[in-house]
Amino acid sequence: MSDGTGREGPAADSARHPGAPSAPGTSAVVVGGGLAGITAALTLADAGVRVTLLEGRPRLGGLAFSFRRGDLTVDNGQHVYLRCCTAYRWFLDRIDAASLAPVQDRLDVPVLDAEGPRGRRLGRLRRDALPVPLHLGRSLATYPHLSLSERARVGRAALALRALDLSDPALDTQDFGSWLSAHGQSARAIEALWDLVGVATLNAVAGDASLGLAAMVFKTGLLSDPGAADIGWARVPLGELHDRMARKALDSAGVRTEVRTRVTSISLDGNGRWSVQVPGESLETDAVVLAVPQREAHDLLPAGALDAPERLLDIGTAPILNVHVVYDRTVLTRPFFAALGSPVQWVFDRTEASGLRAGQYLALSQSAAQDEIDEPVSALRERYLPELERLLPAARGAGVEDFFVTRERTATFAPAPGVGRLRPGARTKAPGLYLAGAWTATGWPATMESAVRSGVGAAGAALSGLGRSGAHLSGLFEEAA
């Protein structure tokens, strides 16, 4: 459609080309260029659908992106995944990037207790090559941050957790912290073990998290397969994966990608096709996948698309704060560690990935950061530099070349009890309109894995609606145990 000046806009052109004008049942527009949208676009294109991907930002990748700061390439936040994240691993393979974000050979997490006695400050959570649950037995038995009785009670709670039925909707109405307390877990055990893992994966402390989502995380990651919790992370900037290489894969699949193109509305026309409005032009298509945050999806949904669209606004959000420190020398000899007895949570060495040539660049990932997300940089500097010196003796006396923070105030949906009933599936009541995003009903918390799964689910639903076979999706990635 003309933009009013007699010329055709590039986004409108991309919905109809290349080739002959799109025949009914062959075109789709994906709104949103995060992992969910990229996945949906690739999956639809691989099935022969002509796809246009629209993203309002100047880049792809959603909240898993990079930017330049002087000579550094900085990730907005540290993102990791686990071996059990089979959909995200498929995504990395699909964009030819698996070698750039490898998984460690075997789970091994150094845990430093800032308040622990000398000689017992370092503990490790690692697995052996034994079947579940014996694979963690030796690590738990020698974990110095819990007493002998606390370790025994952790084992009993883990077995009780393993017995929970994840399909039971009652789990979503309970909070994880109360369940842990009822199963003999002390405040120290929750801090030193359950929250150590849970805060990083759920973006909430145990008392604020749905038992259903927490049980899913621990059953899948720690109690399903011996290698399920092995950790993977990008050895290059996230923008290399989720923007450059993803865009290359989209181009190869025939997807037309338009950035800096914000969708203002979508509507169903009298011919059963969808009109997607962007400034100055309108795109016509057979199917639309909304792969945007829940509040944005709410604002774009046409009337009647969901029975209770206001539920999307009831899905809370949770922040993540990232603290970035550049030292003039090496102060950490491990790729990462987790901390106890300190406001510091997880610390990663990003020196090589950032392109830093001298000194060391550490990134601190601070989840569930409601109390700190709006604090000034000066206050955060006064808090975190002394904490790093407490945890890392080599940081004492080291020069700080740079200190800055990145803030994601709505980094994830809040995994609060009851959130499960608020998360919609991929299908809406409007024919040809589908939802994707980590916040939809994937069964996973707000992770890269959930985003990719949602994109595949939305694409499968769209293919069915378009009368196209989605048989190839059934074997797309191995289901996590």
Protein backbone atom coordinates (compact mmCIF):
# COMPACT_ATOMS: atom_id res chain seq x y z
CA MET A 1 0.00 0.00 0.00
CA SER A 2 1.21 3.50 -0.76
CA ASP A 3 2.56 5.61 2.11
CA GLY A 4 0.60 8.62 0.86
CA THR A 5 3.32 10.07 -1.34
CA GLY A 6 2.84 7.73 -4.25
CA ARG A 7 5.81 5.50 -3.38
CA GLU A 8 5.86 2.02 -1.91
CA GLY A 9 7.67 1.57 1.41
CA PRO A 10 10.41 -1.09 1.85
CA ALA A 11 8.54 -3.03 4.50
CA ALA A 12 5.41 -3.24 2.35
CA ASP A 13 7.52 -4.41 -0.57
CA SER A 14 9.15 -7.09 1.59
CA ALA A 15 5.78 -8.64 2.43
CA ARG A 16 5.04 -9.27 -1.26
CA HIS A 17 8.45 -10.03 -2.76
CA PRO A 18 10.68 -11.65 -3.94
CA GLY A 19 8.95 -13.54 -6.69
CA ALA A 20 5.31 -13.38 -7.71
CA PRO A 21 2.71 -11.77 -5.43
CA SER A 22 2.07 -13.91 -2.41
CA ALA A 23 -0.69 -16.47 -2.90
CA PRO A 24 -3.15 -17.10 -0.05
CA GLY A 25 -1.67 -19.25 2.67
CA THR A 26 1.96 -18.49 1.87
CA SER A 27 2.95 -15.33 3.74
CA ALA A 28 3.53 -14.37 7.36
CA VAL A 29 4.69 -11.33 9.29
CA VAL A 30 6.58 -11.80 12.54
CA VAL A 31 6.51 -8.78 14.85
CA GLY A 32 9.54 -8.68 17.12
CA GLY A 33 13.16 -9.63 16.46
CA GLY A 34 14.13 -11.23 19.76
CA LEU A 35 14.91 -14.92 20.04
CA ALA A 36 11.22 -15.87 19.86
CA GLY A 37 10.65 -13.84 16.71
CA ILE A 38 13.84 -14.97 15.00
CA THR A 39 12.96 -18.59 15.76
CA ALA A 40 9.40 -18.22 14.47
CA ALA A 41 10.62 -16.55 11.29
CA LEU A 42 13.26 -19.21 10.60
CA THR A 43 10.85 -22.07 11.32
CA LEU A 44 8.16 -20.64 9.02
CA ALA A 45 10.64 -19.89 6.26
CA ASP A 46 12.09 -23.40 6.50
CA ALA A 47 8.56 -24.69 5.80
CA GLY A 48 8.30 -22.62 2.62
CA VAL A 49 6.37 -19.62 3.95
CA ARG A 50 7.38 -16.17 2.77
CA VAL A 51 8.24 -14.28 5.94
CA THR A 52 8.80 -10.65 6.87
CA LEU A 53 10.37 -9.97 10.27
CA LEU A 54 9.77 -6.51 11.77
CA GLU A 55 11.82 -5.15 14.66
CA GLY A 56 11.54 -1.67 16.14
CA ARG A 57 15.12 -1.54 17.40
CA PRO A 58 18.11 -1.08 15.10
CA ARG A 59 19.24 -4.66 15.82
CA LEU A 60 18.01 -8.16 16.47
CA GLY A 61 18.36 -10.17 19.68
CA GLY A 62 15.84 -8.60 22.04
CA LEU A 63 17.34 -8.28 25.52
CA ALA A 64 20.30 -10.54 24.70
CA PHE A 65 22.40 -7.99 22.82
CA SER A 66 25.73 -6.19 22.75
CA PHE A 67 26.88 -2.59 22.37
CA ARG A 68 30.13 -0.70 22.05
CA ARG A 69 31.70 1.22 24.90
CA GLY A 70 34.96 2.72 23.73
CA ASP A 71 37.11 -0.19 22.60
CA LEU A 72 34.95 -2.75 24.41
CA THR A 73 32.10 -4.80 23.03
CA VAL A 74 29.77 -5.19 26.00
CA ASP A 75 26.85 -7.57 26.51
CA ASN A 76 23.91 -5.87 28.21
CA GLY A 77 23.90 -8.80 30.63
CA GLN A 78 25.42 -12.21 31.12
CA HIS A 79 23.32 -14.97 29.58
CA VAL A 80 23.95 -18.68 30.13
CA TYR A 81 22.09 -21.84 29.23
CA LEU A 82 22.21 -25.49 30.29
CA ARG A 83 22.74 -28.68 28.36
CA CYS A 84 19.05 -29.49 28.95
CA CYS A 85 18.13 -26.37 26.95
CA THR A 86 17.68 -28.42 23.82
CA ALA A 87 15.68 -25.80 21.92
CA TYR A 88 18.27 -23.06 22.39
CA ARG A 89 21.01 -25.53 21.41
CA TRP A 90 19.02 -26.27 18.25
CA PHE A 91 18.79 -22.50 17.64
CA LEU A 92 22.56 -22.15 17.92
CA ASP A 93 22.99 -24.99 15.44
CA ARG A 94 20.43 -23.42 13.10
CA ILE A 95 22.33 -20.13 12.95
CA ASP A 96 25.68 -21.97 12.72
CA ALA A 97 26.90 -20.62 16.05
CA ALA A 98 27.11 -23.66 18.36
CA SER A 99 30.91 -23.57 18.42
CA LEU A 100 30.82 -19.99 19.70
CA ALA A 101 28.76 -20.84 22.80
CA PRO A 102 29.98 -24.25 23.96
CA VAL A 103 28.83 -26.16 27.04
CA GLN A 104 31.35 -27.07 29.73
CA ASP A 105 32.39 -30.73 29.68
CA ARG A 106 30.96 -31.32 33.13
CA LEU A 107 29.06 -29.14 35.59
CA ASP A 108 31.54 -27.32 37.81
CA VAL A 109 30.53 -24.16 39.68
CA PRO A 110 33.02 -22.56 42.09
CA VAL A 111 31.14 -21.04 45.05
CA LEU A 112 33.01 -18.49 47.19
CA ASP A 113 31.69 -17.62 50.64
CA ALA A 114 32.87 -14.13 51.56
CA GLU A 115 32.17 -14.85 55.23
CA GLY A 116 33.53 -18.38 55.37
CA PRO A 117 36.53 -19.31 57.50
CA ARG A 118 39.95 -19.34 55.87
CA GLY A 119 40.51 -22.57 54.00
CA ARG A 120 36.78 -23.23 53.63
CA ARG A 121 35.69 -20.24 51.59
CA LEU A 122 35.69 -22.15 48.30
CA GLY A 123 33.18 -24.88 47.61
CA ARG A 124 32.20 -26.49 44.33
CA LEU A 125 28.99 -27.78 42.84
CA ARG A 126 30.02 -30.36 40.28
CA ARG A 127 28.85 -33.66 38.97
CA ASP A 128 30.38 -37.07 38.55
CA ALA A 129 29.80 -39.53 35.71
CA LEU A 130 27.18 -41.41 37.68
CA PRO A 131 23.42 -41.83 37.23
CA VAL A 132 20.92 -39.44 38.78
CA PRO A 133 20.85 -38.64 41.70
CA LEU A 134 24.27 -40.10 42.51
CA HIS A 135 25.93 -37.71 40.04
CA LEU A 136 25.75 -34.91 42.64
CA GLY A 137 26.29 -37.08 45.71
CA ARG A 138 29.99 -36.50 46.24
CA SER A 139 29.68 -32.76 45.57
CA LEU A 140 26.88 -32.39 48.09
CA ALA A 141 28.67 -34.56 50.67
CA THR A 142 31.75 -32.32 50.56
CA TYR A 143 30.03 -28.95 50.07
CA PRO A 144 31.57 -26.83 52.84
CA HIS A 145 28.88 -24.14 52.89
CA LEU A 146 26.32 -26.41 54.58
CA SER A 147 26.49 -28.44 57.76
CA LEU A 148 26.34 -32.22 57.66
CA SER A 149 22.71 -32.24 58.78
CA GLU A 150 21.78 -29.56 56.24
CA ARG A 151 23.35 -31.63 53.46
CA ALA A 152 21.35 -34.68 54.51
CA ARG A 153 18.13 -32.68 54.52
CA VAL A 154 18.94 -31.27 51.05
CA GLY A 155 19.10 -34.82 49.73
CA ARG A 156 15.71 -35.67 51.18
CA ALA A 157 14.16 -32.47 49.77
CA ALA A 158 15.63 -33.24 46.35
CA LEU A 159 13.98 -36.65 46.34
CA ALA A 160 10.65 -35.09 47.34
CA LEU A 161 11.05 -32.50 44.59
CA ARG A 162 11.78 -35.22 42.07
CA ALA A 163 8.49 -36.91 42.98
CA LEU A 164 6.36 -33.83 42.20
CA ASP A 165 4.07 -34.02 39.18
CA LEU A 166 4.82 -30.97 37.01
CA SER A 167 1.42 -31.27 35.33
CA ASP A 168 -0.35 -30.63 38.66
CA PRO A 169 -1.74 -27.05 38.45
CA ALA A 170 -1.76 -26.83 42.24
CA LEU A 171 2.02 -26.45 42.20
CA ASP A 172 1.66 -23.06 40.55
CA THR A 173 -0.41 -21.74 43.47
CA GLN A 174 2.33 -22.40 46.05
CA ASP A 175 5.61 -20.60 46.62
CA PHE A 176 8.87 -22.50 46.51
CA GLY A 177 10.24 -21.03 49.73
CA SER A 178 7.36 -22.33 51.86
CA TRP A 179 7.69 -25.75 50.26
CA LEU A 180 11.42 -25.82 51.04
CA SER A 181 10.84 -24.81 54.65
CA ALA A 182 8.17 -27.50 55.01
CA HIS A 183 10.73 -30.01 53.75
CA GLY A 184 13.35 -29.19 56.34
CA GLN A 185 15.42 -26.61 54.49
CA SER A 186 17.12 -24.02 56.69
CA ALA A 187 17.55 -20.39 55.70
CA ARG A 188 21.24 -21.15 55.13
CA ALA A 189 20.46 -24.09 52.85
CA ILE A 190 18.07 -21.97 50.81
CA GLU A 191 20.70 -19.23 50.44
CA ALA A 192 23.71 -21.48 49.80
CA LEU A 193 22.09 -23.93 47.41
CA TRP A 194 18.47 -23.49 46.34
CA ASP A 195 18.61 -19.73 45.75
CA LEU A 196 22.12 -19.95 44.37
CA VAL A 197 20.62 -21.82 41.41
CA GLY A 198 17.04 -20.58 41.56
CA VAL A 199 17.65 -16.83 41.59
CA ALA A 200 19.85 -17.11 38.49
CA THR A 201 17.33 -19.20 36.56
CA LEU A 202 14.01 -17.86 37.87
CA ASN A 203 14.99 -14.23 38.62
CA ALA A 204 13.30 -14.52 42.01
CA VAL A 205 14.16 -15.77 45.47
CA ALA A 206 12.46 -18.97 46.58
CA GLY A 207 9.77 -17.22 48.58
CA ASP A 208 8.67 -15.20 45.54
CA ALA A 209 8.75 -18.06 43.02
CA SER A 210 6.06 -20.46 41.88
CA LEU A 211 6.67 -23.99 43.12
CA GLY A 212 5.64 -25.22 39.68
CA LEU A 213 8.33 -23.25 37.85
CA ALA A 214 10.98 -23.94 40.50
CA ALA A 215 10.23 -27.66 40.44
CA MET A 216 10.50 -27.61 36.65
CA VAL A 217 13.94 -25.95 36.85
CA PHE A 218 15.37 -28.32 39.44
CA LYS A 219 13.78 -31.50 38.09
CA THR A 220 14.90 -30.78 34.54
CA GLY A 221 18.29 -29.26 35.29
CA LEU A 222 19.53 -31.30 38.23
CA LEU A 223 17.35 -34.39 38.58
CA SER A 224 16.74 -35.66 35.04
CA ASP A 225 19.99 -36.49 33.26
CA PRO A 226 23.51 -36.39 34.73
CA GLY A 227 24.67 -33.78 32.22
CA ALA A 228 21.51 -31.68 32.14
CA ALA A 229 22.93 -28.82 34.24
CA ASP A 230 26.25 -28.46 32.44
CA ILE A 231 26.58 -24.73 31.72
CA GLY A 232 27.05 -23.09 28.35
CA TRP A 233 27.75 -19.45 27.56
CA ALA A 234 28.85 -17.34 24.63
CA ARG A 235 32.59 -16.89 24.14
CA VAL A 236 31.82 -14.02 21.77
CA PRO A 237 29.57 -10.97 22.21
CA LEU A 238 25.87 -11.83 22.20
CA GLY A 239 25.37 -9.50 19.25
CA GLU A 240 27.59 -11.77 17.20
CA LEU A 241 25.16 -14.63 17.81
CA HIS A 242 21.72 -13.06 18.06
CA ASP A 243 22.15 -10.24 15.57
CA ARG A 244 24.87 -10.85 12.98
CA MET A 245 24.70 -14.63 12.69
CA ALA A 246 20.93 -14.75 13.20
CA ARG A 247 20.47 -12.17 10.45
CA LYS A 248 22.73 -14.17 8.16
CA ALA A 249 20.59 -17.27 8.79
CA LEU A 250 17.41 -15.29 8.17
CA ASP A 251 18.78 -13.92 4.91
CA SER A 252 19.79 -17.41 3.76
CA ALA A 253 16.28 -18.69 4.58
CA GLY A 254 14.72 -15.95 2.45
CA VAL A 255 13.31 -13.93 5.35
CA ARG A 256 13.07 -10.20 4.72
CA THR A 257 14.20 -8.48 7.91
CA GLU A 258 13.32 -4.86 8.62
CA VAL A 259 14.78 -3.16 11.69
CA ARG A 260 13.83 0.31 12.94
CA THR A 261 10.28 -0.63 11.89
CA ARG A 262 7.80 -0.36 14.73
CA VAL A 263 4.34 -1.86 14.30
CA THR A 264 1.55 0.47 15.40
CA SER A 265 -1.47 -1.81 14.92
CA ILE A 266 -2.71 -5.05 13.38
CA SER A 267 -6.19 -5.77 12.06
CA LEU A 268 -8.11 -8.39 10.14
CA ASP A 269 -9.53 -7.17 6.84
CA GLY A 270 -12.75 -8.25 5.15
CA ASN A 271 -10.95 -10.87 3.06
CA GLY A 272 -9.63 -12.79 6.05
CA ARG A 273 -6.12 -11.42 5.68
CA TRP A 274 -4.16 -9.37 8.17
CA SER A 275 -3.05 -5.77 7.82
CA VAL A 276 0.05 -4.84 9.78
CA GLN A 277 0.50 -1.11 10.16
CA VAL A 278 3.91 0.50 10.36
CA PRO A 279 4.49 4.26 10.05
CA GLY A 280 3.38 5.34 6.61
CA GLU A 281 2.48 1.96 5.20
CA SER A 282 0.47 -1.24 5.60
CA LEU A 283 1.52 -4.83 5.03
CA GLU A 284 -0.99 -7.50 4.03
CA THR A 285 -0.33 -11.07 5.05
CA ASP A 286 -1.98 -14.39 5.84
CA ALA A 287 -0.60 -14.89 9.35
CA VAL A 288 0.91 -12.75 12.08
CA VAL A 289 3.12 -13.86 14.96
CA LEU A 290 3.33 -11.35 17.79
CA ALA A 291 6.72 -12.00 19.39
CA VAL A 292 6.91 -8.96 21.65
CA PRO A 293 6.74 -8.43 25.44
CA GLN A 294 3.39 -9.10 27.06
CA ARG A 295 2.44 -5.45 27.56
CA GLU A 296 3.22 -4.61 23.96
CA ALA A 297 1.28 -7.67 22.82
CA HIS A 298 -1.69 -6.52 24.90
CA ASP A 299 -1.66 -3.13 23.18
CA LEU A 300 -1.51 -4.68 19.69
CA LEU A 301 -4.08 -7.44 20.15
CA PRO A 302 -7.34 -6.79 18.29
CA ALA A 303 -10.57 -7.06 20.25
CA GLY A 304 -11.67 -10.63 20.90
CA ALA A 305 -8.26 -12.19 20.24
CA LEU A 306 -8.05 -13.41 23.85
CA ASP A 307 -10.87 -14.08 26.30
CA ALA A 308 -9.18 -12.05 29.03
CA PRO A 309 -6.45 -9.90 27.50
CA GLU A 310 -6.08 -7.99 30.76
CA ARG A 311 -4.36 -11.06 32.19
CA LEU A 312 -1.30 -10.12 30.15
CA LEU A 313 -1.02 -6.95 32.22
CA ASP A 314 -1.20 -9.04 35.39
CA ILE A 315 2.02 -10.86 34.46
CA GLY A 316 4.56 -9.02 36.55
CA THR A 317 8.12 -8.22 35.56
CA ALA A 318 11.42 -8.62 37.38
CA PRO A 319 14.66 -6.65 36.89
CA ILE A 320 18.26 -7.70 36.40
CA LEU A 321 21.18 -5.40 37.19
CA ASN A 322 24.59 -5.95 35.62
CA VAL A 323 27.72 -4.41 37.09
CA HIS A 324 30.75 -4.09 34.80
CA VAL A 325 34.27 -3.59 36.15
CA VAL A 326 37.49 -3.25 34.15
CA TYR A 327 40.69 -3.76 36.15
CA ASP A 328 44.23 -2.94 35.12
CA ARG A 329 45.34 -6.51 35.86
CA THR A 330 44.03 -10.05 36.17
CA VAL A 331 42.17 -10.55 39.44
CA LEU A 332 40.16 -13.72 38.61
CA THR A 333 41.70 -16.90 37.20
CA ARG A 334 38.42 -18.79 36.70
CA PRO A 335 35.90 -18.18 33.90
CA PHE A 336 33.17 -17.53 36.50
CA PHE A 337 32.11 -18.09 40.10
CA ALA A 338 29.06 -17.68 42.34
CA ALA A 339 29.19 -15.91 45.68
CA LEU A 340 27.66 -16.30 49.12
CA GLY A 341 27.72 -13.95 52.11
CA SER A 342 27.85 -10.97 49.77
CA PRO A 343 25.53 -8.92 47.59
CA VAL A 344 27.55 -10.27 44.66
CA GLN A 345 25.76 -13.17 42.96
CA TRP A 346 27.56 -14.42 39.83
CA VAL A 347 30.78 -13.05 38.31
CA PHE A 348 32.02 -13.80 34.79
CA ASP A 349 35.31 -13.03 33.05
CA ARG A 350 34.37 -11.26 29.78
CA THR A 351 37.87 -10.05 28.91
CA GLU A 352 38.47 -12.01 25.73
CA ALA A 353 34.90 -11.77 24.46
CA SER A 354 34.88 -7.99 24.86
CA GLY A 355 38.10 -7.45 22.92
CA LEU A 356 39.98 -6.03 25.92
CA ARG A 357 43.71 -6.32 25.30
CA ALA A 358 45.12 -5.44 28.72
CA GLY A 359 43.78 -5.96 32.21
CA GLN A 360 40.58 -7.86 32.98
CA TYR A 361 36.88 -7.17 32.49
CA LEU A 362 34.44 -8.75 34.96
CA ALA A 363 30.65 -8.75 34.61
CA LEU A 364 28.49 -9.23 37.70
CA SER A 365 25.00 -10.57 37.04
CA GLN A 366 22.57 -9.49 39.77
CA SER A 367 19.14 -11.10 39.40
CA ALA A 368 16.00 -10.21 41.36
CA ALA A 369 17.51 -6.74 41.75
CA GLN A 370 14.37 -4.84 42.76
CA ASP A 371 16.17 -3.06 45.61
CA GLU A 372 19.10 -1.89 43.47
CA ILE A 373 17.83 -1.39 39.94
CA ASP A 374 17.45 2.39 40.30
CA GLU A 375 20.41 3.10 42.56
CA PRO A 376 22.98 5.58 41.19
CA VAL A 377 26.22 4.26 39.77
CA SER A 378 28.20 5.95 42.54
CA ALA A 379 26.33 4.00 45.24
CA LEU A 380 26.75 0.73 43.37
CA ARG A 381 30.46 1.40 42.95
CA GLU A 382 30.85 2.00 46.69
CA ARG A 383 29.07 -1.28 47.40
CA TYR A 384 30.50 -3.66 44.81
CA LEU A 385 34.18 -2.76 44.53
CA PRO A 386 34.85 -3.56 48.22
CA GLU A 387 32.82 -6.78 47.84
CA LEU A 388 34.97 -7.89 44.93
CA GLU A 389 38.05 -7.20 47.04
CA ARG A 390 36.58 -9.37 49.82
CA LEU A 391 35.98 -12.20 47.38
CA LEU A 392 39.08 -11.78 45.23
CA PRO A 393 42.28 -10.92 47.11
CA ALA A 394 44.01 -10.07 43.83
CA ALA A 395 41.57 -7.18 43.37
CA ARG A 396 42.97 -5.43 46.44
CA GLY A 397 45.22 -2.69 45.14
CA ALA A 398 44.25 -3.29 41.50
CA GLY A 399 43.40 -0.19 39.50
CA VAL A 400 39.82 0.22 38.30
CA GLU A 401 39.94 1.43 34.70
CA ASP A 402 36.16 1.55 34.24
CA PHE A 403 33.00 0.91 36.24
CA PHE A 404 29.54 1.05 34.73
CA VAL A 405 26.15 -0.65 34.99
CA THR A 406 23.45 -1.84 32.62
CA ARG A 407 19.88 -2.11 33.83
CA GLU A 408 17.03 -4.21 32.50
CA ARG A 409 14.04 -3.12 34.56
CA THR A 410 11.70 -5.58 32.87
CA ALA A 411 14.26 -8.28 32.12
CA THR A 412 11.89 -11.22 32.66
CA PHE A 413 8.37 -11.99 33.67
CA ALA A 414 8.04 -12.44 37.42
CA PRO A 415 7.68 -16.19 38.21
CA ALA A 416 5.29 -15.51 41.08
CA PRO A 417 2.78 -18.10 42.30
CA GLY A 418 -0.25 -18.03 40.03
CA VAL A 419 1.60 -16.81 36.95
CA GLY A 420 0.92 -20.08 35.15
CA ARG A 421 -2.77 -19.33 34.65
CA LEU A 422 -1.89 -15.93 33.16
CA ARG A 423 0.46 -17.20 30.44
CA PRO A 424 -1.39 -17.71 27.13
CA GLY A 425 -0.65 -20.36 24.56
CA ALA A 426 0.49 -19.68 21.01
CA ARG A 427 -3.01 -19.67 19.48
CA THR A 428 -5.46 -16.81 19.84
CA LYS A 429 -9.17 -16.71 19.02
CA ALA A 430 -8.37 -14.59 15.95
CA PRO A 431 -7.65 -16.91 12.98
CA GLY A 432 -4.11 -16.40 11.75
CA LEU A 433 -2.83 -14.55 14.83
CA TYR A 434 -0.32 -16.22 17.13
CA LEU A 435 1.73 -15.31 20.21
CA ALA A 436 5.38 -16.00 20.99
CA GLY A 437 7.71 -14.93 23.76
CA ALA A 438 9.37 -16.38 26.84
CA TRP A 439 6.30 -15.18 28.80
CA THR A 440 3.88 -17.47 26.92
CA ALA A 441 2.88 -20.91 28.18
CA THR A 442 6.04 -22.87 27.43
CA GLY A 443 6.32 -24.48 30.88
CA TRP A 444 9.74 -22.84 31.28
CA PRO A 445 10.72 -19.71 33.20
CA ALA A 446 11.81 -16.59 31.33
CA THR A 447 14.92 -17.95 29.64
CA MET A 448 16.40 -18.08 26.16
CA GLU A 449 15.14 -21.66 26.07
CA SER A 450 11.57 -20.53 26.72
CA ALA A 451 11.83 -17.88 24.00
CA VAL A 452 13.00 -20.36 21.37
CA ARG A 453 10.38 -22.93 22.37
CA SER A 454 7.69 -20.29 22.06
CA GLY A 455 8.88 -19.35 18.58
CA VAL A 456 8.73 -22.95 17.41
CA GLY A 457 5.29 -23.38 18.99
CA ALA A 458 3.89 -20.26 17.34
CA ALA A 459 5.34 -21.26 13.98
CA GLY A 460 3.83 -24.73 14.28
CA ALA A 461 0.41 -23.28 15.08
CA ALA A 462 0.72 -20.85 12.17
CA LEU A 463 1.68 -23.61 9.74
CA SER A 464 -1.37 -25.58 10.79
CA GLY A 465 -3.56 -22.54 10.25
CA LEU A 466 -2.01 -21.97 6.84
CA GLY A 467 -2.69 -25.55 5.85
CA ARG A 468 1.00 -26.37 5.76
CA SER A 469 2.64 -29.41 7.24
CA GLY A 470 4.50 -28.95 10.48
CA ALA A 471 5.61 -32.56 10.65
CA HIS A 472 9.26 -31.57 10.58
CA LEU A 473 8.85 -29.71 13.87
CA SER A 474 8.22 -32.87 15.90
CA GLY A 475 11.89 -33.82 15.65
CA LEU A 476 13.29 -30.30 15.59
CA PHE A 477 14.93 -30.61 18.98
CA GLU A 478 15.03 -33.27 21.63
CA GLU A 479 12.68 -32.64 24.50
CA ALA A 480 14.40 -32.00 27.79
CA ALA A 481 13.76 -34.74 30.29
